[in-house]
Amino acid sequence: MKKIDRLIREIKREQNRTDKLLREITFEIRDKQVIMFFNYEETIDNIHDNPHAVKHNHDPEFLNLKELDMLKPKLSEIGLPFTERRDDFM
C-alpha cells in the first residue's frame, strides 16, 4: 500500500506541473508485469524561458497486477484517465 500511496502523491505532483500537462496514464500489461507510463501534452512552458532546459517526463513505474488493481480506483477518484494495453508478443 505504501507504493500505491507514493504513486498517487507523485501523480498529483505531476498534475501540478507548469511546464507540462499530464494527460493520462498508460498501463502496458505483459504477463504478470505492468509498466506504467505518464503521458503528457506538449510542453507549454520551460525553465526560465530557456528552450533547451525542459524538465523530462516522469520515469516509467513497474507494478504487479495486484498493485494495478489497487491503483486504478484511486486514479478514477482524482479524475485522471488511464488506458490498459495488453500486447502479446511472439
PDB file of N, CA and C in Angstrom:
ATOM      1  N   MET A   1       0.819  -1.204   0.000  1.00  0.00           N
ATOM      2  CA  MET A   1       0.000   0.000   0.000  1.00  0.00           C
ATOM      3  C   MET A   1       0.855   1.257   0.000  1.00  0.00           C
ATOM      4  N   LYS A   2       2.046   1.184   0.607  1.00  0.00           N
ATOM      5  CA  LYS A   2       2.920   2.354   0.634  1.00  0.00           C
ATOM      6  C   LYS A   2       3.299   2.781  -0.778  1.00  0.00           C
ATOM      7  N   LYS A   3       3.527   1.789  -1.645  1.00  0.00           N
ATOM      8  CA  LYS A   3       3.893   2.103  -3.023  1.00  0.00           C
ATOM      9  C   LYS A   3       2.746   2.818  -3.739  1.00  0.00           C
ATOM     10  N   ILE A   4       1.523   2.364  -3.516  1.00  0.00           N
ATOM     11  CA  ILE A   4       0.358   2.991  -4.152  1.00  0.00           C
ATOM     12  C   ILE A   4       0.197   4.423  -3.658  1.00  0.00           C
ATOM     13  N   ASP A   5       0.346   4.626  -2.351  1.00  0.00           N
ATOM     14  CA  ASP A   5       0.253   5.983  -1.796  1.00  0.00           C
ATOM     15  C   ASP A   5       1.339   6.887  -2.374  1.00  0.00           C
ATOM     16  N   ARG A   6       2.552   6.359  -2.517  1.00  0.00           N
ATOM     17  CA  ARG A   6       3.647   7.143  -3.113  1.00  0.00           C
ATOM     18  C   ARG A   6       3.322   7.505  -4.560  1.00  0.00           C
ATOM     19  N   LEU A   7       2.801   6.543  -5.310  1.00  0.00           N
ATOM     20  CA  LEU A   7       2.454   6.808  -6.703  1.00  0.00           C
ATOM     21  C   LEU A   7       1.374   7.873  -6.821  1.00  0.00           C
ATOM     22  N   ILE A   8       0.376   7.825  -5.969  1.00  0.00           N
ATOM     23  CA  ILE A   8      -0.689   8.837  -6.003  1.00  0.00           C
ATOM     24  C   ILE A   8      -0.111  10.210  -5.695  1.00  0.00           C
ATOM     25  N   ARG A   9       0.787  10.297  -4.713  1.00  0.00           N
ATOM     26  CA  ARG A   9       1.426  11.589  -4.411  1.00  0.00           C
ATOM     27  C   ARG A   9       2.215  12.093  -5.615  1.00  0.00           C
ATOM     28  N   GLU A  10       2.943  11.209  -6.270  1.00  0.00           N
ATOM     29  CA  GLU A  10       3.733  11.604  -7.434  1.00  0.00           C
ATOM     30  C   GLU A  10       2.838  12.004  -8.603  1.00  0.00           C
ATOM     31  N   ILE A  11       1.738  11.296  -8.780  1.00  0.00           N
ATOM     32  CA  ILE A  11       0.802  11.646  -9.855  1.00  0.00           C
ATOM     33  C   ILE A  11       0.220  13.027  -9.608  1.00  0.00           C
ATOM     34  N   LYS A  12      -0.178  13.296  -8.385  1.00  0.00           N
ATOM     35  CA  LYS A  12      -0.718  14.631  -8.061  1.00  0.00           C
ATOM     36  C   LYS A  12       0.328  15.706  -8.281  1.00  0.00           C
ATOM     37  N   ARG A  13       1.582  15.403  -7.948  1.00  0.00           N
ATOM     38  CA  ARG A  13       2.663  16.367  -8.183  1.00  0.00           C
ATOM     39  C   ARG A  13       2.834  16.609  -9.691  1.00  0.00           C
ATOM     40  N   GLU A  14       2.751  15.547 -10.477  1.00  0.00           N
ATOM     41  CA  GLU A  14       2.863  15.685 -11.935  1.00  0.00           C
ATOM     42  C   GLU A  14       1.689  16.490 -12.499  1.00  0.00           C
ATOM     43  N   GLN A  15       0.504  16.332 -11.914  1.00  0.00           N
ATOM     44  CA  GLN A  15      -0.657  17.091 -12.369  1.00  0.00           C
ATOM     45  C   GLN A  15      -0.494  18.583 -12.122  1.00  0.00           C
ATOM     46  N   ASN A  16       0.318  18.943 -11.142  1.00  0.00           N
ATOM     47  CA  ASN A  16       0.521  20.350 -10.796  1.00  0.00           C
ATOM     48  C   ASN A  16       1.693  20.998 -11.524  1.00  0.00           C
ATOM     49  N   ARG A  17       2.364  20.265 -12.402  1.00  0.00           N
ATOM     50  CA  ARG A  17       3.488  20.837 -13.141  1.00  0.00           C
ATOM     51  C   ARG A  17       3.009  21.977 -14.027  1.00  0.00           C
ATOM     52  N   THR A  18       3.859  22.967 -14.196  1.00  0.00           N
ATOM     53  CA  THR A  18       3.515  24.085 -15.085  1.00  0.00           C
ATOM     54  C   THR A  18       4.196  23.974 -16.437  1.00  0.00           C
ATOM     55  N   ASP A  19       5.210  23.123 -16.542  1.00  0.00           N
ATOM     56  CA  ASP A  19       5.920  23.009 -17.815  1.00  0.00           C
ATOM     57  C   ASP A  19       5.302  21.978 -18.743  1.00  0.00           C
ATOM     58  N   LYS A  20       4.520  21.040 -18.195  1.00  0.00           N
ATOM     59  CA  LYS A  20       3.858  20.010 -18.996  1.00  0.00           C
ATOM     60  C   LYS A  20       2.522  19.678 -18.362  1.00  0.00           C
ATOM     61  N   LEU A  21       1.574  19.271 -19.193  1.00  0.00           N
ATOM     62  CA  LEU A  21       0.264  18.883 -18.688  1.00  0.00           C
ATOM     63  C   LEU A  21       0.133  17.364 -18.734  1.00  0.00           C
ATOM     64  N   LEU A  22      -0.063  16.756 -17.575  1.00  0.00           N
ATOM     65  CA  LEU A  22      -0.268  15.312 -17.513  1.00  0.00           C
ATOM     66  C   LEU A  22      -1.638  15.001 -18.100  1.00  0.00           C
ATOM     67  N   ARG A  23      -1.654  14.218 -19.177  1.00  0.00           N
ATOM     68  CA  ARG A  23      -2.892  13.917 -19.895  1.00  0.00           C
ATOM     69  C   ARG A  23      -3.540  12.631 -19.399  1.00  0.00           C
ATOM     70  N   GLU A  24      -2.733  11.580 -19.247  1.00  0.00           N
ATOM     71  CA  GLU A  24      -3.280  10.292 -18.834  1.00  0.00           C
ATOM     72  C   GLU A  24      -2.144   9.360 -18.431  1.00  0.00           C
ATOM     73  N   ILE A  25      -2.521   8.209 -17.915  1.00  0.00           N
ATOM     74  CA  ILE A  25      -1.587   7.148 -17.574  1.00  0.00           C
ATOM     75  C   ILE A  25      -1.858   5.977 -18.514  1.00  0.00           C
ATOM     76  N   THR A  26      -0.807   5.341 -18.996  1.00  0.00           N
ATOM     77  CA  THR A  26      -0.948   4.129 -19.793  1.00  0.00           C
ATOM     78  C   THR A  26      -0.298   2.980 -19.040  1.00  0.00           C
ATOM     79  N   PHE A  27      -1.047   1.884 -18.919  1.00  0.00           N
ATOM     80  CA  PHE A  27      -0.527   0.665 -18.317  1.00  0.00           C
ATOM     81  C   PHE A  27      -0.288  -0.342 -19.428  1.00  0.00           C
ATOM     82  N   GLU A  28       0.936  -0.797 -19.572  1.00  0.00           N
ATOM     83  CA  GLU A  28       1.245  -1.860 -20.518  1.00  0.00           C
ATOM     84  C   GLU A  28       1.421  -3.145 -19.716  1.00  0.00           C
ATOM     85  N   ILE A  29       0.537  -4.094 -19.954  1.00  0.00           N
ATOM     86  CA  ILE A  29       0.489  -5.319 -19.167  1.00  0.00           C
ATOM     87  C   ILE A  29       1.102  -6.445 -19.988  1.00  0.00           C
ATOM     88  N   ARG A  30       2.123  -7.047 -19.421  1.00  0.00           N
ATOM     89  CA  ARG A  30       2.817  -8.155 -20.070  1.00  0.00           C
ATOM     90  C   ARG A  30       2.989  -9.273 -19.048  1.00  0.00           C
ATOM     91  N   ASP A  31       2.289 -10.354 -19.265  1.00  0.00           N
ATOM     92  CA  ASP A  31       2.314 -11.486 -18.351  1.00  0.00           C
ATOM     93  C   ASP A  31       1.889 -11.007 -16.963  1.00  0.00           C
ATOM     94  N   LYS A  32       2.785 -11.020 -15.984  1.00  0.00           N
ATOM     95  CA  LYS A  32       2.436 -10.581 -14.626  1.00  0.00           C
ATOM     96  C   LYS A  32       3.066  -9.245 -14.279  1.00  0.00           C
ATOM     97  N   GLN A  33       3.680  -8.601 -15.256  1.00  0.00           N
ATOM     98  CA  GLN A  33       4.337  -7.317 -15.017  1.00  0.00           C
ATOM     99  C   GLN A  33       3.544  -6.200 -15.688  1.00  0.00           C
ATOM    100  N   VAL A  34       3.492  -5.057 -15.015  1.00  0.00           N
ATOM    101  CA  VAL A  34       2.799  -3.887 -15.536  1.00  0.00           C
ATOM    102  C   VAL A  34       3.791  -2.734 -15.564  1.00  0.00           C
ATOM    103  N   ILE A  35       3.857  -2.056 -16.700  1.00  0.00           N
ATOM    104  CA  ILE A  35       4.690  -0.860 -16.816  1.00  0.00           C
ATOM    105  C   ILE A  35       3.745   0.329 -16.945  1.00  0.00           C
ATOM    106  N   MET A  36       3.946   1.310 -16.090  1.00  0.00           N
ATOM    107  CA  MET A  36       3.069   2.470 -16.024  1.00  0.00           C
ATOM    108  C   MET A  36       3.792   3.669 -16.628  1.00  0.00           C
ATOM    109  N   PHE A  37       3.183   4.253 -17.672  1.00  0.00           N
ATOM    110  CA  PHE A  37       3.767   5.407 -18.344  1.00  0.00           C
ATOM    111  C   PHE A  37       2.920   6.646 -18.093  1.00  0.00           C
ATOM    112  N   PHE A  38       3.588   7.771 -17.911  1.00  0.00           N
ATOM    113  CA  PHE A  38       2.935   9.062 -17.742  1.00  0.00           C
ATOM    114  C   PHE A  38       2.904   9.731 -19.118  1.00  0.00           C
ATOM    115  N   ASN A  39       1.712  10.091 -19.600  1.00  0.00           N
ATOM    116  CA  ASN A  39       1.571  10.727 -20.912  1.00  0.00           C
ATOM    117  C   ASN A  39       1.214  12.193 -20.740  1.00  0.00           C
ATOM    118  N   TYR A  40       1.942  13.045 -21.444  1.00  0.00           N
ATOM    119  CA  TYR A  40       1.806  14.482 -21.292  1.00  0.00           C
ATOM    120  C   TYR A  40       1.339  15.138 -22.585  1.00  0.00           C
ATOM    121  N   GLU A  41       0.755  16.337 -22.445  1.00  0.00           N
ATOM    122  CA  GLU A  41       0.504  17.197 -23.589  1.00  0.00           C
ATOM    123  C   GLU A  41       1.838  17.842 -23.975  1.00  0.00           C
ATOM    124  N   GLU A  42       1.823  18.603 -25.036  1.00  0.00           N
ATOM    125  CA  GLU A  42       3.049  19.276 -25.469  1.00  0.00           C
ATOM    126  C   GLU A  42       3.575  20.201 -24.366  1.00  0.00           C
ATOM    127  N   THR A  43       4.835  20.487 -24.433  1.00  0.00           N
ATOM    128  CA  THR A  43       5.440  21.408 -23.475  1.00  0.00           C
ATOM    129  C   THR A  43       4.794  22.777 -23.612  1.00  0.00           C
ATOM    130  N   ILE A  44       4.358  23.347 -22.495  1.00  0.00           N
ATOM    131  CA  ILE A  44       3.712  24.654 -22.549  1.00  0.00           C
ATOM    132  C   ILE A  44       4.554  25.740 -21.899  1.00  0.00           C
ATOM    133  N   ASP A  45       5.572  25.362 -21.174  1.00  0.00           N
ATOM    134  CA  ASP A  45       6.428  26.329 -20.506  1.00  0.00           C
ATOM    135  C   ASP A  45       7.782  25.658 -20.318  1.00  0.00           C
ATOM    136  N   ASN A  46       8.811  26.434 -20.249  1.00  0.00           N
ATOM    137  CA  ASN A  46      10.112  25.848 -19.983  1.00  0.00           C
ATOM    138  C   ASN A  46      10.732  26.547 -18.789  1.00  0.00           C
ATOM    139  N   ILE A  47      11.954  26.207 -18.500  1.00  0.00           N
ATOM    140  CA  ILE A  47      12.607  26.729 -17.311  1.00  0.00           C
ATOM    141  C   ILE A  47      13.289  28.050 -17.642  1.00  0.00           C
ATOM    142  N   HIS A  48      12.833  29.112 -17.042  1.00  0.00           N
ATOM    143  CA  HIS A  48      13.443  30.438 -17.207  1.00  0.00           C
ATOM    144  C   HIS A  48      13.555  30.833 -18.674  1.00  0.00           C
ATOM    145  N   ASP A  49      12.534  30.505 -19.456  1.00  0.00           N
ATOM    146  CA  ASP A  49      12.488  30.837 -20.879  1.00  0.00           C
ATOM    147  C   ASP A  49      13.661  30.300 -21.664  1.00  0.00           C
ATOM    148  N   ASN A  50      14.254  29.216 -21.211  1.00  0.00           N
ATOM    149  CA  ASN A  50      15.339  28.569 -21.926  1.00  0.00           C
ATOM    150  C   ASN A  50      14.776  27.333 -22.621  1.00  0.00           C
ATOM    151  N   PRO A  51      14.651  27.368 -23.957  1.00  0.00           N
ATOM    152  CA  PRO A  51      14.041  26.230 -24.656  1.00  0.00           C
ATOM    153  C   PRO A  51      14.874  24.958 -24.593  1.00  0.00           C
ATOM    154  N   HIS A  52      16.103  25.046 -24.148  1.00  0.00           N
ATOM    155  CA  HIS A  52      16.967  23.872 -24.063  1.00  0.00           C
ATOM    156  C   HIS A  52      16.982  23.253 -22.666  1.00  0.00           C
ATOM    157  N   ALA A  53      16.201  23.793 -21.755  1.00  0.00           N
ATOM    158  CA  ALA A  53      16.191  23.308 -20.378  1.00  0.00           C
ATOM    159  C   ALA A  53      14.778  22.910 -19.965  1.00  0.00           C
ATOM    160  N   VAL A  54      14.209  21.942 -20.655  1.00  0.00           N
ATOM    161  CA  VAL A  54      12.868  21.469 -20.335  1.00  0.00           C
ATOM    162  C   VAL A  54      12.984  20.231 -19.452  1.00  0.00           C
ATOM    163  N   LYS A  55      12.214  20.204 -18.374  1.00  0.00           N
ATOM    164  CA  LYS A  55      12.243  19.045 -17.478  1.00  0.00           C
ATOM    165  C   LYS A  55      11.754  17.801 -18.212  1.00  0.00           C
ATOM    166  N   HIS A  56      12.330  16.670 -17.880  1.00  0.00           N
ATOM    167  CA  HIS A  56      11.922  15.423 -18.535  1.00  0.00           C
ATOM    168  C   HIS A  56      10.644  14.873 -17.909  1.00  0.00           C
ATOM    169  N   ASN A  57      10.038  13.947 -18.606  1.00  0.00           N
ATOM    170  CA  ASN A  57       8.827  13.296 -18.115  1.00  0.00           C
ATOM    171  C   ASN A  57       9.164  12.394 -16.937  1.00  0.00           C
ATOM    172  N   HIS A  58       8.145  12.036 -16.201  1.00  0.00           N
ATOM    173  CA  HIS A  58       8.305  11.101 -15.090  1.00  0.00           C
ATOM    174  C   HIS A  58       8.740   9.755 -15.651  1.00  0.00           C
ATOM    175  N   ASP A  59       9.653   9.104 -14.994  1.00  0.00           N
ATOM    176  CA  ASP A  59      10.122   7.793 -15.435  1.00  0.00           C
ATOM    177  C   ASP A  59       9.004   6.759 -15.308  1.00  0.00           C
ATOM    178  N   PRO A  60       9.036   5.732 -16.149  1.00  0.00           N
ATOM    179  CA  PRO A  60       8.034   4.665 -16.008  1.00  0.00           C
ATOM    180  C   PRO A  60       8.143   3.990 -14.644  1.00  0.00           C
ATOM    181  N   GLU A  61       7.029   3.468 -14.194  1.00  0.00           N
ATOM    182  CA  GLU A  61       6.971   2.736 -12.930  1.00  0.00           C
ATOM    183  C   GLU A  61       6.616   1.283 -13.235  1.00  0.00           C
ATOM    184  N   PHE A  62       7.155   0.378 -12.443  1.00  0.00           N
ATOM    185  CA  PHE A  62       6.884  -1.048 -12.615  1.00  0.00           C
ATOM    186  C   PHE A  62       5.992  -1.528 -11.480  1.00  0.00           C
ATOM    187  N   LEU A  63       4.907  -2.209 -11.850  1.00  0.00           N
ATOM    188  CA  LEU A  63       3.921  -2.691 -10.890  1.00  0.00           C
ATOM    189  C   LEU A  63       3.654  -4.170 -11.135  1.00  0.00           C
ATOM    190  N   ASN A  64       2.979  -4.782 -10.181  1.00  0.00           N
ATOM    191  CA  ASN A  64       2.445  -6.109 -10.429  1.00  0.00           C
ATOM    192  C   ASN A  64       0.929  -5.973 -10.610  1.00  0.00           C
ATOM    193  N   LEU A  65       0.254  -7.056 -10.925  1.00  0.00           N
ATOM    194  CA  LEU A  65      -1.178  -6.984 -11.219  1.00  0.00           C
ATOM    195  C   LEU A  65      -2.009  -6.573 -10.005  1.00  0.00           C
ATOM    196  N   LYS A  66      -1.608  -7.004  -8.821  1.00  0.00           N
ATOM    197  CA  LYS A  66      -2.331  -6.627  -7.607  1.00  0.00           C
ATOM    198  C   LYS A  66      -2.233  -5.112  -7.371  1.00  0.00           C
ATOM    199  N   GLU A  67      -1.042  -4.555  -7.559  1.00  0.00           N
ATOM    200  CA  GLU A  67      -0.861  -3.104  -7.393  1.00  0.00           C
ATOM    201  C   GLU A  67      -1.673  -2.332  -8.426  1.00  0.00           C
ATOM    202  N   LEU A  68      -1.743  -2.863  -9.637  1.00  0.00           N
ATOM    203  CA  LEU A  68      -2.553  -2.223 -10.672  1.00  0.00           C
ATOM    204  C   LEU A  68      -4.017  -2.166 -10.250  1.00  0.00           C
ATOM    205  N   ASP A  69      -4.530  -3.266  -9.731  1.00  0.00           N
ATOM    206  CA  ASP A  69      -5.924  -3.295  -9.286  1.00  0.00           C
ATOM    207  C   ASP A  69      -6.186  -2.323  -8.138  1.00  0.00           C
ATOM    208  N   MET A  70      -5.195  -2.081  -7.300  1.00  0.00           N
ATOM    209  CA  MET A  70      -5.347  -1.134  -6.189  1.00  0.00           C
ATOM    210  C   MET A  70      -5.231   0.308  -6.678  1.00  0.00           C
ATOM    211  N   LEU A  71      -4.467   0.542  -7.738  1.00  0.00           N
ATOM    212  CA  LEU A  71      -4.210   1.898  -8.217  1.00  0.00           C
ATOM    213  C   LEU A  71      -5.344   2.444  -9.081  1.00  0.00           C
ATOM    214  N   LYS A  72      -5.966   1.613  -9.882  1.00  0.00           N
ATOM    215  CA  LYS A  72      -6.990   2.091 -10.826  1.00  0.00           C
ATOM    216  C   LYS A  72      -8.144   2.851 -10.161  1.00  0.00           C
ATOM    217  N   PRO A  73      -8.726   2.371  -9.051  1.00  0.00           N
ATOM    218  CA  PRO A  73      -9.803   3.155  -8.427  1.00  0.00           C
ATOM    219  C   PRO A  73      -9.321   4.514  -7.910  1.00  0.00           C
ATOM    220  N   LYS A  74      -8.092   4.560  -7.446  1.00  0.00           N
ATOM    221  CA  LYS A  74      -7.552   5.825  -6.945  1.00  0.00           C
ATOM    222  C   LYS A  74      -7.362   6.827  -8.077  1.00  0.00           C
ATOM    223  N   LEU A  75      -6.978   6.357  -9.264  1.00  0.00           N
ATOM    224  CA  LEU A  75      -6.866   7.245 -10.417  1.00  0.00           C
ATOM    225  C   LEU A  75      -8.237   7.793 -10.801  1.00  0.00           C
ATOM    226  N   SER A  76      -9.254   6.958 -10.721  1.00  0.00           N
ATOM    227  CA  SER A  76     -10.615   7.413 -11.016  1.00  0.00           C
ATOM    228  C   SER A  76     -11.065   8.468 -10.009  1.00  0.00           C
ATOM    229  N   GLU A  77     -10.677   8.297  -8.737  1.00  0.00           N
ATOM    230  CA  GLU A  77     -11.044   9.273  -7.699  1.00  0.00           C
ATOM    231  C   GLU A  77     -10.465  10.647  -7.981  1.00  0.00           C
ATOM    232  N   ILE A  78      -9.227  10.697  -8.492  1.00  0.00           N
ATOM    233  CA  ILE A  78      -8.614  12.003  -8.749  1.00  0.00           C
ATOM    234  C   ILE A  78      -8.896  12.502 -10.163  1.00  0.00           C
ATOM    235  N   GLY A  79      -9.665  11.720 -10.927  1.00  0.00           N
ATOM    236  CA  GLY A  79     -10.102  12.173 -12.245  1.00  0.00           C
ATOM    237  C   GLY A  79      -9.048  12.093 -13.335  1.00  0.00           C
ATOM    238  N   LEU A  80      -8.096  11.195 -13.205  1.00  0.00           N
ATOM    239  CA  LEU A  80      -7.060  11.053 -14.228  1.00  0.00           C
ATOM    240  C   LEU A  80      -7.377   9.835 -15.096  1.00  0.00           C
ATOM    241  N   PRO A  81      -7.589  10.049 -16.392  1.00  0.00           N
ATOM    242  CA  PRO A  81      -7.879   8.908 -17.266  1.00  0.00           C
ATOM    243  C   PRO A  81      -6.683   7.972 -17.399  1.00  0.00           C
ATOM    244  N   PHE A  82      -6.977   6.711 -17.675  1.00  0.00           N
ATOM    245  CA  PHE A  82      -5.908   5.742 -17.907  1.00  0.00           C
ATOM    246  C   PHE A  82      -6.367   4.744 -18.959  1.00  0.00           C
ATOM    247  N   THR A  83      -5.400   4.154 -19.633  1.00  0.00           N
ATOM    248  CA  THR A  83      -5.681   3.102 -20.608  1.00  0.00           C
ATOM    249  C   THR A  83      -4.814   1.898 -20.270  1.00  0.00           C
ATOM    250  N   GLU A  84      -5.298   0.743 -20.674  1.00  0.00           N
ATOM    251  CA  GLU A  84      -4.559  -0.500 -20.472  1.00  0.00           C
ATOM    252  C   GLU A  84      -4.272  -1.116 -21.831  1.00  0.00           C
ATOM    253  N   ARG A  85      -3.030  -1.544 -22.005  1.00  0.00           N
ATOM    254  CA  ARG A  85      -2.643  -2.246 -23.221  1.00  0.00           C
ATOM    255  C   ARG A  85      -2.152  -3.627 -22.824  1.00  0.00           C
ATOM    256  N   ARG A  86      -2.621  -4.597 -23.531  1.00  0.00           N
ATOM    257  CA  ARG A  86      -2.190  -5.976 -23.305  1.00  0.00           C
ATOM    258  C   ARG A  86      -1.641  -6.506 -24.615  1.00  0.00           C
ATOM    259  N   ASP A  87      -0.388  -6.205 -24.862  1.00  0.00           N
ATOM    260  CA  ASP A  87       0.258  -6.627 -26.095  1.00  0.00           C
ATOM    261  C   ASP A  87       0.840  -8.017 -25.936  1.00  0.00           C
ATOM    262  N   ASP A  88       0.526  -8.885 -26.861  1.00  0.00           N
ATOM    263  CA  ASP A  88       1.101 -10.219 -26.874  1.00  0.00           C
ATOM    264  C   ASP A  88       2.172 -10.259 -27.946  1.00  0.00           C
ATOM    265  N   PHE A  89       3.366 -10.655 -27.561  1.00  0.00           N
ATOM    266  CA  PHE A  89       4.469 -10.730 -28.494  1.00  0.00           C
ATOM    267  C   PHE A  89       4.812 -12.182 -28.739  1.00  0.00           C
ATOM    268  N   MET A  90       5.175 -12.468 -29.955  1.00  0.00           N
ATOM    269  CA  MET A  90       5.536 -13.852 -30.291  1.00  0.00           C
ATOM    270  C   MET A  90       7.004 -14.089 -30.040  1.00  0.00           C
TER     271      MET A  90
END
